[in-house]
Protein backbone atom coordinates (compact mmCIF):
# COMPACT_ATOMS: atom_id res chain seq x y z
CA MET A 1 -231.44 -3.34 -76.34
CA GLU A 2 -229.21 -5.64 -74.31
CA ARG A 3 -226.78 -7.84 -76.24
CA ARG A 4 -228.29 -11.04 -74.85
CA THR A 5 -231.76 -10.04 -76.06
CA PHE A 6 -230.38 -9.13 -79.50
CA LEU A 7 -228.66 -12.49 -79.89
CA THR A 8 -231.77 -14.37 -78.81
CA THR A 9 -234.07 -12.52 -81.19
CA THR A 10 -231.62 -12.72 -84.09
CA THR A 11 -231.39 -16.47 -83.62
CA ALA A 12 -235.18 -16.70 -83.47
CA ALA A 13 -235.50 -14.77 -86.73
CA ALA A 14 -233.05 -17.05 -88.49
CA ALA A 15 -234.83 -20.14 -87.17
CA SER A 16 -238.15 -18.82 -88.45
CA ALA A 17 -236.79 -18.33 -91.96
CA GLN A 18 -235.34 -21.87 -91.93
CA ARG A 19 -238.68 -23.34 -90.82
CA ILE A 20 -240.50 -21.81 -93.77
CA ALA A 21 -237.89 -22.88 -96.28
CA GLY A 22 -237.57 -26.34 -94.81
CA ALA A 23 -241.24 -27.29 -94.53
CA ASN A 24 -242.36 -27.10 -98.15
CA ASP A 25 -243.30 -23.43 -97.74
CA ARG A 26 -245.71 -24.21 -94.92
CA VAL A 27 -246.56 -21.07 -92.92
CA VAL A 28 -247.75 -21.53 -89.33
CA VAL A 29 -249.68 -18.58 -87.90
CA GLY A 30 -251.02 -17.53 -84.51
CA LEU A 31 -254.08 -15.32 -84.03
CA ILE A 32 -253.92 -12.58 -81.39
CA GLY A 33 -257.32 -10.98 -80.93
CA CYS A 34 -260.07 -13.46 -81.76
CA GLY A 35 -263.13 -11.27 -82.24
CA GLY A 36 -265.11 -11.01 -85.45
CA ARG A 37 -262.44 -9.24 -87.48
CA GLY A 38 -259.67 -11.57 -86.37
CA ARG A 39 -261.66 -14.68 -87.23
CA TYR A 40 -262.71 -13.19 -90.59
CA VAL A 41 -259.20 -12.29 -91.74
CA SER A 42 -257.71 -15.53 -90.43
CA ARG A 43 -260.20 -17.56 -92.45
CA LEU A 44 -259.23 -15.67 -95.59
CA MET A 45 -255.54 -16.04 -94.80
CA ARG A 46 -255.91 -19.77 -94.37
CA GLU A 47 -257.25 -19.98 -97.92
CA ALA A 48 -253.68 -19.38 -99.12
CA PRO A 49 -251.90 -22.66 -99.92
CA ASN A 50 -250.27 -24.51 -97.03
CA VAL A 51 -251.22 -22.11 -94.23
CA GLU A 52 -252.04 -23.41 -90.76
CA PHE A 53 -253.31 -21.59 -87.66
CA ALA A 54 -251.78 -23.32 -84.67
CA ALA A 55 -252.64 -21.03 -81.76
CA THR A 56 -255.10 -18.35 -80.64
CA ALA A 57 -254.99 -15.75 -77.87
CA ASP A 58 -257.49 -13.27 -76.47
CA ALA A 59 -257.92 -11.48 -73.14
CA TYR A 60 -261.49 -12.77 -73.35
CA LEU A 61 -260.74 -16.48 -73.23
CA PRO A 62 -264.09 -17.63 -74.75
CA ASN A 63 -263.05 -15.82 -77.96
CA ALA A 64 -259.74 -17.66 -78.04
CA GLU A 65 -261.47 -20.97 -77.40
CA ALA A 66 -264.00 -20.35 -80.18
CA ALA A 67 -261.22 -19.51 -82.64
CA LYS A 68 -259.32 -22.62 -81.53
CA GLN A 69 -262.28 -24.79 -82.50
CA TRP A 70 -262.12 -23.34 -86.00
CA ALA A 71 -258.33 -23.58 -86.24
CA GLY A 72 -258.29 -27.32 -85.63
CA PRO A 73 -257.91 -30.04 -83.00
CA THR A 74 -254.17 -29.49 -82.49
CA ALA A 75 -254.42 -25.72 -82.03
CA ARG A 76 -253.83 -24.20 -78.60
CA ALA A 77 -255.76 -21.37 -76.96
CA PHE A 78 -254.28 -18.81 -74.55
CA GLN A 79 -255.53 -15.80 -72.65
CA ASP A 80 -252.12 -14.11 -72.52
CA PHE A 81 -250.69 -13.50 -76.00
CA ARG A 82 -247.13 -13.75 -74.66
CA LYS A 83 -247.59 -17.49 -74.21
CA LEU A 84 -248.57 -17.73 -77.86
CA LEU A 85 -245.41 -15.84 -78.85
CA ASP A 86 -243.33 -18.39 -76.93
CA LEU A 87 -244.35 -21.12 -79.39
CA LYS A 88 -241.32 -21.89 -81.55
CA GLU A 89 -243.36 -23.39 -84.37
CA LEU A 90 -245.09 -20.13 -85.26
CA ASP A 91 -243.76 -18.25 -88.28
CA ALA A 92 -246.16 -15.33 -88.11
CA VAL A 93 -248.99 -13.77 -86.14
CA LEU A 94 -252.16 -11.93 -87.07
CA VAL A 95 -252.86 -9.11 -84.60
CA ALA A 96 -256.56 -8.14 -84.60
CA THR A 97 -256.93 -6.72 -81.11
CA PRO A 98 -258.40 -3.33 -80.17
CA ASP A 99 -256.14 -0.51 -81.37
CA HIS A 100 -254.35 0.08 -78.07
CA TRP A 101 -253.03 -3.49 -78.23
CA HIS A 102 -251.55 -3.33 -81.76
CA CYS A 103 -248.12 -2.02 -80.86
CA ILE A 104 -246.84 -4.23 -78.05
CA PRO A 105 -247.69 -7.65 -79.57
CA THR A 106 -246.18 -6.50 -82.86
CA ILE A 107 -242.90 -5.46 -81.24
CA LEU A 108 -242.68 -8.61 -79.10
CA ALA A 109 -243.51 -10.78 -82.12
CA CYS A 110 -240.69 -9.16 -84.09
CA GLN A 111 -238.34 -9.81 -81.19
CA ALA A 112 -239.46 -13.45 -81.21
CA GLY A 113 -238.61 -13.80 -84.91
CA LYS A 114 -242.19 -13.81 -86.17
CA ASP A 115 -243.70 -11.84 -89.04
CA VAL A 116 -246.82 -9.79 -88.34
CA TYR A 117 -250.06 -8.86 -90.07
CA VAL A 118 -251.48 -6.10 -87.87
CA GLU A 119 -254.92 -4.63 -88.36
CA LYS A 120 -255.47 -0.93 -88.96
CA PRO A 121 -255.09 1.60 -87.56
CA LEU A 122 -251.48 0.59 -87.13
CA ALA A 123 -251.07 2.05 -83.65
CA HIS A 124 -252.84 3.96 -80.91
CA ASN A 125 -250.54 6.98 -81.33
CA VAL A 126 -247.72 8.31 -83.48
CA ARG A 127 -244.82 7.22 -81.28
CA GLU A 128 -246.12 3.66 -81.11
CA GLY A 129 -246.23 3.51 -84.91
CA ARG A 130 -242.62 4.63 -85.22
CA ALA A 131 -241.56 2.06 -82.60
CA MET A 132 -243.25 -0.69 -84.63
CA ILE A 133 -241.30 0.33 -87.73
CA GLU A 134 -238.05 0.27 -85.79
CA ALA A 135 -238.80 -3.21 -84.43
CA ALA A 136 -239.60 -4.56 -87.90
CA ARG A 137 -236.36 -3.18 -89.33
CA ARG A 138 -234.19 -4.18 -86.37
CA HIS A 139 -235.34 -7.80 -86.50
CA ASN A 140 -235.74 -8.07 -90.28
CA ARG A 141 -239.42 -8.94 -90.04
CA ILE A 142 -242.28 -8.63 -92.51
CA VAL A 143 -244.86 -6.38 -90.87
CA GLN A 144 -247.94 -5.65 -92.97
CA ALA A 145 -250.72 -3.23 -92.07
CA GLY A 146 -254.29 -4.39 -92.57
CA THR A 147 -255.06 -1.58 -95.02
CA GLN A 148 -256.53 -3.92 -97.59
CA GLN A 149 -257.34 -1.22 -100.12
CA ARG A 150 -253.65 -1.49 -101.10
CA SER A 151 -254.55 -4.85 -102.63
CA ALA A 152 -257.60 -3.57 -104.54
CA ILE A 153 -257.34 -3.83 -108.32
CA HIS A 154 -258.90 -0.48 -109.27
CA PHE A 155 -256.96 2.05 -107.22
CA PRO A 156 -253.72 1.64 -109.24
CA GLU A 157 -255.79 2.56 -112.29
CA VAL A 158 -257.09 5.70 -110.56
CA ALA A 159 -253.50 6.56 -109.59
CA ARG A 160 -252.36 6.15 -113.20
CA ILE A 161 -255.13 8.43 -114.50
CA ILE A 162 -254.37 11.19 -112.00
CA GLN A 163 -250.58 10.99 -112.06
CA SER A 164 -250.55 10.96 -115.89
CA GLY A 165 -252.38 14.30 -115.93
CA GLN A 166 -255.54 13.04 -117.63
CA LEU A 167 -257.64 14.78 -114.99
CA GLY A 168 -255.61 17.99 -115.26
CA GLN A 169 -254.25 19.51 -112.08
CA VAL A 170 -255.73 17.91 -108.97
CA ARG A 171 -255.57 20.45 -106.17
CA PHE A 172 -258.43 19.30 -103.94
CA VAL A 173 -259.24 15.86 -102.51
CA ARG A 174 -262.29 15.12 -100.42
CA VAL A 175 -262.65 12.06 -98.15
CA TRP A 176 -265.75 11.17 -96.16
CA ASN A 177 -267.22 8.59 -93.78
CA TYR A 178 -270.90 9.00 -92.90
CA SER A 179 -273.21 6.93 -90.71
CA ASN A 180 -276.36 7.68 -88.75
CA MET A 181 -276.11 6.70 -85.09
CA PHE A 182 -278.61 9.33 -83.89
CA PRO A 183 -279.73 9.63 -81.15
CA ASP A 184 -278.52 6.77 -78.95
CA GLY A 185 -275.14 5.97 -80.52
CA ILE A 186 -273.53 3.08 -78.66
CA GLY A 187 -275.93 3.55 -75.74
CA ARG A 188 -275.08 3.62 -72.05
CA GLU A 189 -274.64 1.00 -69.35
CA PRO A 190 -273.51 1.26 -65.74
CA ASP A 191 -270.16 -0.11 -64.64
CA SER A 192 -270.33 -3.76 -63.65
CA ALA A 193 -268.25 -6.85 -62.98
CA PRO A 194 -266.38 -8.22 -66.03
CA PRO A 195 -267.92 -11.26 -67.70
CA ASP A 196 -266.53 -14.69 -66.87
CA GLY A 197 -263.42 -15.43 -68.87
CA LEU A 198 -262.30 -11.81 -69.32
CA ASP A 199 -259.00 -10.65 -67.85
CA TRP A 200 -259.99 -6.98 -67.58
CA ASP A 201 -256.57 -5.88 -66.33
CA LEU A 202 -254.95 -7.49 -69.37
CA TYR A 203 -257.58 -6.00 -71.68
CA CYS A 204 -256.79 -2.50 -70.39
CA GLY A 205 -253.09 -3.20 -70.84
CA PRO A 206 -251.18 0.03 -71.55
CA ALA A 207 -254.40 2.06 -71.14
CA PRO A 208 -255.51 3.36 -67.74
CA LYS A 209 -257.14 0.81 -65.46
CA VAL A 210 -260.78 1.82 -65.09
CA PRO A 211 -263.87 -0.05 -63.83
CA PHE A 212 -265.30 -2.50 -66.34
CA ASN A 213 -268.01 -1.12 -68.56
CA ARG A 214 -269.47 -3.18 -71.37
CA LYS A 215 -269.36 -0.20 -73.73
CA ARG A 216 -265.57 -0.19 -73.42
CA PHE A 217 -265.49 -3.83 -74.50
CA GLY A 218 -266.30 -5.38 -77.86
CA GLY A 219 -266.87 -3.31 -81.00
CA SER A 220 -267.79 -0.14 -79.11
CA PHE A 221 -264.23 0.27 -77.75
CA ARG A 222 -263.61 2.55 -80.76
CA TRP A 223 -265.52 5.38 -79.09
CA PHE A 224 -263.08 5.81 -76.17
CA TRP A 225 -259.79 7.69 -76.37
CA ASP A 226 -258.12 5.14 -74.08
CA TYR A 227 -258.33 2.50 -76.80
CA ALA A 228 -258.85 4.14 -80.19
CA GLY A 229 -259.38 7.31 -82.25
CA GLY A 230 -262.97 7.14 -83.49
CA THR A 231 -264.24 7.13 -87.06
CA ILE A 232 -261.24 8.99 -88.45
CA SER A 233 -258.77 6.33 -87.32
CA ASP A 234 -261.07 3.34 -87.80
CA PHE A 235 -262.29 4.13 -91.32
CA GLY A 236 -260.38 7.22 -92.38
CA THR A 237 -257.05 5.41 -92.20
CA HIS A 238 -258.02 3.20 -95.15
CA ARG A 239 -258.88 6.18 -97.29
CA PHE A 240 -255.86 8.24 -96.29
CA ASP A 241 -253.67 5.35 -97.40
CA THR A 242 -255.45 5.29 -100.75
CA VAL A 243 -255.10 9.06 -101.18
CA HIS A 244 -251.37 8.67 -100.58
CA GLN A 245 -251.23 5.87 -103.15
CA ILE A 246 -253.18 7.84 -105.76
CA MET A 247 -251.62 11.27 -105.24
CA GLY A 248 -248.07 10.02 -104.72
CA ALA A 249 -247.72 12.15 -101.57
CA ASP A 250 -247.90 11.12 -97.92
CA LYS A 251 -246.49 14.06 -95.93
CA PRO A 252 -248.91 16.85 -94.98
CA VAL A 253 -247.49 20.18 -93.88
CA THR A 254 -250.43 21.62 -91.91
CA VAL A 255 -253.58 20.31 -90.23
CA SER A 256 -256.59 22.01 -88.66
CA ALA A 257 -259.90 20.63 -87.43
CA SER A 258 -263.39 21.58 -86.31
CA GLY A 259 -266.11 19.49 -84.74
CA GLY A 260 -267.78 18.39 -81.57
CA ARG A 261 -270.11 15.98 -79.87
CA TYR A 262 -273.31 17.68 -80.88
CA ALA A 263 -276.13 15.15 -81.04
CA LEU A 264 -275.29 11.66 -79.77
CA GLN A 265 -276.41 10.92 -76.24
CA ASP A 266 -274.34 7.91 -75.30
CA ALA A 267 -271.25 6.82 -73.39
CA GLY A 268 -268.83 7.56 -76.22
CA GLU A 269 -266.19 10.28 -76.13
CA MET A 270 -265.44 10.97 -79.81
CA PRO A 271 -266.88 13.87 -81.82
CA ASP A 272 -269.99 12.92 -83.75
CA MET A 273 -269.06 15.50 -86.39
CA LEU A 274 -265.44 16.11 -87.35
CA GLN A 275 -264.00 18.02 -90.29
CA VAL A 276 -260.23 18.11 -90.81
CA THR A 277 -258.28 20.10 -93.41
CA TYR A 278 -254.81 18.92 -94.42
CA GLU A 279 -252.43 20.85 -96.63
CA TYR A 280 -250.03 18.70 -98.65
CA PRO A 281 -247.46 20.13 -101.05
CA GLY A 282 -249.59 21.05 -104.06
CA PHE A 283 -253.06 20.09 -102.84
CA VAL A 284 -255.56 20.27 -99.99
CA MET A 285 -257.40 17.28 -98.51
CA SER A 286 -260.64 17.66 -96.57
CA TYR A 287 -261.85 14.83 -94.34
CA GLU A 288 -265.37 14.50 -92.93
CA ALA A 289 -266.52 12.06 -90.26
CA CYS A 290 -270.23 12.34 -89.58
CA ASN A 291 -272.08 9.95 -87.27
CA ILE A 292 -275.44 11.70 -87.30
CA SER A 293 -276.36 11.40 -91.00
CA ALA A 294 -275.69 8.59 -93.47
CA HIS A 295 -276.16 10.42 -96.75
CA GLY A 296 -272.57 11.32 -97.57
CA LEU A 297 -272.14 13.10 -100.87
CA GLY A 298 -271.73 12.58 -104.59
CA GLY A 299 -273.86 11.41 -107.48
CA ARG A 300 -275.13 7.95 -108.27
CA THR A 301 -274.88 6.17 -111.62
CA PRO A 302 -277.50 3.62 -112.74
CA GLY A 303 -276.15 0.09 -112.50
CA MET A 304 -273.27 0.94 -110.16
CA LYS A 305 -272.92 -0.47 -106.68
CA TYR A 306 -271.50 1.58 -103.84
CA TYR A 307 -269.72 0.53 -100.69
CA ASN A 308 -272.11 0.33 -97.71
CA ALA A 309 -274.81 2.33 -99.54
CA ARG A 310 -278.31 1.72 -98.13
CA GLY A 311 -280.60 4.27 -99.75
CA GLU A 312 -281.16 5.12 -103.39
CA MET A 313 -279.05 8.26 -103.29
CA ASP A 314 -276.74 8.03 -100.28
CA ARG A 315 -273.02 7.51 -100.74
CA PRO A 316 -271.70 7.14 -97.19
CA ASN A 317 -268.00 6.44 -97.86
CA GLY A 318 -265.62 7.60 -100.52
CA MET A 319 -262.92 9.80 -102.00
CA ALA A 320 -263.26 12.51 -104.61
CA PHE A 321 -260.35 13.89 -106.61
CA TYR A 322 -261.13 17.23 -108.25
CA GLY A 323 -259.03 18.15 -111.28
CA THR A 324 -259.10 21.00 -113.75
CA SER A 325 -260.47 18.63 -116.41
CA GLY A 326 -262.90 16.63 -114.28
CA ALA A 327 -263.32 14.65 -111.10
CA ILE A 328 -262.97 11.02 -110.03
CA PHE A 329 -265.23 9.65 -107.31
CA ALA A 330 -263.98 6.36 -105.87
CA ASP A 331 -264.77 3.94 -103.09
CA ARG A 332 -263.64 0.50 -101.99
CA ILE A 333 -265.35 -1.31 -104.86
CA GLY A 334 -265.22 1.01 -107.86
CA TYR A 335 -264.77 4.47 -109.37
CA GLU A 336 -266.35 6.90 -111.85
CA ILE A 337 -264.99 9.78 -113.91
CA TYR A 338 -267.02 12.96 -114.21
CA PRO A 339 -265.67 15.19 -117.02
CA ASP A 340 -265.85 18.88 -116.29
CA ARG A 341 -268.55 19.73 -118.84
CA ASP A 342 -270.08 16.40 -119.76
CA ARG A 343 -271.69 13.29 -118.38
CA ILE A 344 -269.85 10.24 -117.10
CA VAL A 345 -267.62 8.80 -119.78
CA ARG A 346 -266.07 5.96 -117.86
CA LYS A 347 -266.78 3.80 -114.87
CA MET A 348 -264.83 0.98 -113.32
CA GLU A 349 -266.72 -2.28 -113.16
CA ASN A 350 -267.46 -3.11 -109.56
CA THR A 351 -264.91 -5.18 -107.69
CA THR A 352 -265.12 -6.62 -104.20
CA ASP A 353 -263.48 -5.87 -100.88
CA ALA A 354 -259.80 -6.82 -101.15
CA THR A 355 -259.28 -8.30 -97.67
CA GLY A 356 -258.81 -11.83 -99.04
CA LEU A 357 -256.21 -10.66 -101.56
CA HIS A 358 -254.47 -8.67 -98.84
CA ALA A 359 -254.27 -11.64 -96.48
CA LYS A 360 -252.81 -13.82 -99.21
CA HIS A 361 -250.34 -11.06 -100.12
CA PHE A 362 -249.01 -11.21 -96.56
CA ILE A 363 -248.38 -14.95 -96.85
CA GLU A 364 -246.56 -14.39 -100.15
CA CYS A 365 -244.32 -11.82 -98.46
CA VAL A 366 -243.60 -14.17 -95.55
CA ARG A 367 -242.34 -16.71 -98.07
CA SER A 368 -240.50 -14.35 -100.41
CA ARG A 369 -239.15 -11.95 -97.72
CA LYS A 370 -240.13 -9.02 -99.94
CA LEU A 371 -241.57 -5.90 -98.36
CA SER A 372 -245.35 -5.81 -98.41
CA ALA A 373 -247.27 -3.33 -100.55
CA ALA A 374 -248.74 -2.27 -97.19
CA ASP A 375 -245.44 -2.29 -95.33
CA VAL A 376 -245.47 -1.06 -91.74
CA GLU A 377 -243.98 2.31 -92.80
CA ILE A 378 -246.80 2.82 -95.31
CA GLY A 379 -249.37 1.85 -92.69
CA HIS A 380 -247.79 4.24 -90.22
CA ARG A 381 -247.98 7.18 -92.62
CA ALA A 382 -251.68 6.54 -93.23
CA THR A 383 -252.53 6.05 -89.54
CA LEU A 384 -250.52 9.13 -88.64
CA ILE A 385 -252.92 11.28 -90.69
CA ALA A 386 -255.80 10.23 -88.44
CA HIS A 387 -253.77 10.96 -85.32
CA LEU A 388 -252.88 14.43 -86.61
CA GLY A 389 -256.56 15.15 -87.23
CA ASN A 390 -257.50 14.14 -83.70
CA ILE A 391 -254.67 16.20 -82.20
CA ALA A 392 -255.75 19.27 -84.19
CA TYR A 393 -259.31 18.73 -82.93
CA LYS A 394 -258.18 18.42 -79.32
CA THR A 395 -255.93 21.48 -79.41
CA GLY A 396 -258.19 23.65 -81.57
CA LYS A 397 -255.14 24.94 -83.45
CA LYS A 398 -253.82 24.99 -86.98
CA LEU A 399 -250.69 22.89 -86.61
CA HIS A 400 -247.55 22.79 -88.75
CA TRP A 401 -246.11 19.30 -89.19
CA ASP A 402 -242.45 18.37 -89.62
CA ALA A 403 -242.65 15.00 -91.39
CA VAL A 404 -238.93 14.30 -90.99
CA LYS A 405 -238.82 14.81 -87.23
CA GLU A 406 -242.43 13.59 -86.83
CA GLU A 407 -243.34 16.44 -84.55
CA PHE A 408 -245.25 19.71 -84.70
CA LYS A 409 -243.40 22.99 -85.06
CA ASP A 410 -243.63 25.30 -82.05
CA ALA A 411 -246.55 23.41 -80.50
CA PRO A 412 -245.46 21.65 -77.29
CA ASP A 413 -249.06 21.00 -76.22
CA ALA A 414 -249.72 19.16 -79.50
CA ASN A 415 -246.43 17.26 -79.34
CA ARG A 416 -247.38 15.87 -75.95
CA LEU A 417 -250.32 14.13 -77.68
CA LEU A 418 -248.02 12.23 -80.06
CA ARG A 419 -247.62 9.58 -77.35
CA ARG A 420 -249.06 8.61 -74.00
CA GLU A 421 -247.73 7.44 -70.68
CA ALA A 422 -248.48 3.73 -70.83
CA ARG A 423 -249.46 1.84 -67.71
CA LYS A 424 -246.80 -0.45 -66.27
CA PRO A 425 -245.67 -3.10 -67.05
CA TRP A 426 -246.76 -2.24 -70.61
CA ASP A 427 -244.67 0.92 -70.93
CA LEU A 428 -242.43 -0.45 -73.70
CA VAL A 429 -242.89 2.68 -75.83
């Protein structure tokens, strides 16, 4: 970094801290990415005391304008997020863009002296995630990943049970995400002109510039490698983070994967069935992403509610920890213990999704300057697991991971997939 840039950003960081301390703890936030998730989290964040949203930005300007109406009459709407970052009054930003746009706004926000809440998965690829950590540390910024399960009240209890040995030796962990999109998936549409108000070149950003297709825009962007990593990065990242929290380990040593696009007949590119095996020191984790059946696995207990369950017996999302004395099945809103030779002896009363708590936790960290419970490094280590699974799937190899160097051992073809050549002028990483 040039000295002039360093001095400018250091001054900006100091000014930001003074604004918070000097304005009765008022925190002024900008929203980058104004779709459904961005508006949802921003509303919850604004429920924290003395929080104001003063600006919105989205490559699809109607989204930014709609969010501006919610934010208030003095808020400003932009199409280019860089204009939002130029606003001196902002203390922090919420980044809720498609995945391929998480890294660059986060780095530029850190350089501008602003703290960042960035949605999961943290980054589009492994190298981007590491660059985001470096930016947060270099500019002394709070950067929190949107892995809200870190703020859930029941997972620390599951961690205590397992780490205390009450479940015996836990050597196998199973994680699953099931949904039934058969047979049409996200559907198909021909290429067309972009809708009014969309800067398609800006939307593509660091990704390749391709003709506009509506399936690449909106919520279905997750099914294209240019922008995302599919179910494993979208939903698996949350659960990998929780496995790390519960097992006290976040560095796998090997990864292998099987799967394919077997049944869906749509425009998407991701496998509709993916199974990944990770070896950690002392235990094995199996991950399943299935988009052609919603049943999932596991038992059901009368009176319990289950996250996203639709049928009487399905359990489409969850984590299971298998110990020598029993098993714990857990999801976003509760857990159950199954002793090895008996019926259920304990269940956690149902909680709710922790997104609101997580958003407020970010504001607390902005004020206190304490690292978040979902600090950018923690978010990176969870997101990285999804990336490793996708790389193993693409290469068809069992890969050995060096967690210190963050590269595969003796696998140059796999290491090339740890990053991508970003399109100029967005080749910051």
